[in-house]
Protein backbone atom coordinates (compact mmCIF):
# COMPACT_ATOMS: atom_id res chain seq x y z
CA MET A 1 53.10 -39.18 47.01
CA ASP A 2 53.47 -35.72 48.37
CA VAL A 3 54.81 -32.50 46.85
CA ASN A 4 58.33 -33.25 47.78
CA ASP A 5 58.25 -36.60 45.98
CA VAL A 6 56.78 -35.10 42.87
CA LEU A 7 59.42 -32.27 42.85
CA ALA A 8 62.20 -34.87 43.30
CA VAL A 9 60.96 -36.97 40.37
CA SER A 10 60.56 -33.91 38.26
CA ARG A 11 64.15 -32.77 39.09
CA ASP A 12 65.47 -36.22 38.28
CA ALA A 13 63.62 -36.23 35.00
CA MET A 14 65.02 -32.90 34.05
CA TRP A 15 68.59 -34.04 34.79
CA VAL A 16 68.04 -37.28 32.75
CA THR A 17 66.74 -35.15 29.88
CA LEU A 18 69.82 -32.91 30.06
CA LYS A 19 72.21 -35.92 30.22
CA LEU A 20 70.53 -37.54 27.25
CA SER A 21 70.33 -34.56 25.02
CA GLY A 22 73.36 -32.54 26.04
CA PRO A 23 76.01 -34.42 23.98
CA MET A 24 73.94 -34.22 20.80
CA MET A 25 73.16 -30.65 21.30
CA LEU A 26 76.83 -29.81 21.89
CA VAL A 27 77.90 -31.75 18.83
CA GLY A 28 75.24 -29.91 16.71
CA LEU A 29 76.51 -26.54 18.11
CA ALA A 30 80.18 -27.35 17.27
CA VAL A 31 79.39 -28.67 13.78
CA GLY A 32 77.12 -25.68 13.06
CA LEU A 33 79.91 -23.31 14.21
CA VAL A 34 82.53 -24.98 11.99
CA VAL A 35 80.17 -25.03 9.04
CA SER A 36 79.24 -21.34 9.44
CA LEU A 37 82.80 -20.40 9.80
CA PHE A 38 83.56 -22.40 6.60
CA GLN A 39 80.70 -20.58 4.85
CA ALA A 40 81.86 -17.26 5.97
CA LEU A 41 85.50 -17.82 4.91
CA THR A 42 84.58 -19.23 1.50
CA GLN A 43 81.44 -17.02 0.92
CA ILE A 44 79.50 -20.20 -0.03
CA GLN A 45 75.82 -19.55 1.08
CA GLU A 46 74.23 -22.93 0.32
CA MET A 47 71.37 -23.78 2.72
CA THR A 48 71.74 -27.44 2.63
CA LEU A 49 75.40 -27.19 3.55
CA ALA A 50 74.38 -26.05 7.00
CA PHE A 51 71.93 -28.97 7.58
CA VAL A 52 73.57 -32.10 6.23
CA PRO A 53 76.79 -32.08 8.32
CA LYS A 54 74.82 -31.43 11.46
CA ILE A 55 72.32 -34.11 10.81
CA LEU A 56 75.14 -36.66 10.10
CA ALA A 57 77.14 -35.61 13.17
CA ILE A 58 74.08 -35.76 15.43
CA PHE A 59 73.23 -39.27 14.01
CA ALA A 60 76.71 -40.40 14.60
CA ILE A 61 76.93 -39.19 18.16
CA PHE A 62 73.49 -40.67 18.81
CA LEU A 63 74.79 -44.12 17.73
CA LEU A 64 77.92 -43.73 19.86
CA MET A 65 75.99 -42.53 22.94
CA LEU A 66 73.17 -45.09 22.56
CA PRO A 67 74.48 -47.55 25.28
CA PHE A 68 74.88 -44.67 27.74
CA MET A 69 71.41 -43.33 26.91
CA VAL A 70 69.76 -46.70 27.38
CA SER A 71 71.54 -47.38 30.69
CA THR A 72 70.59 -43.93 31.96
CA MET A 73 66.90 -44.45 30.99
CA VAL A 74 66.88 -47.94 32.50
CA GLY A 75 68.32 -46.61 35.78
CA PHE A 76 65.86 -43.79 35.87
CA THR A 77 62.89 -46.11 35.15
CA GLN A 78 64.03 -48.58 37.84
CA GLU A 79 64.43 -45.79 40.40
CA LEU A 80 61.00 -44.42 39.54
CA ALA A 81 59.45 -47.88 39.77
CA THR A 82 61.11 -48.42 43.20
CA ARG A 83 59.70 -45.05 44.30
CA ILE A 84 56.26 -46.09 43.14
CA VAL A 85 56.47 -49.53 44.96
CA THR A 86 57.88 -48.19 48.18
CA GLY A 87 55.52 -45.14 48.11
CA GLY A 88 58.16 -42.56 48.33
């Protein structure tokens, strides 16, 4: 493997990481924004109110996105194995 192959694998790994973590991060951001808006409007400053809805929403999106995540990881692993076998 030369430098270009290492850079290509690294770039692909970064894209896979973004594809896998992006939906969960966006859902966590949206739920956090809604909860903070609710807290600001009602003046409820309970610390656990910020965490529990985010955890539940991220867990739910994780379960919904699990087939996509597995297929993405399988595809990346197969591509990586093919690169290793063919030498480039």
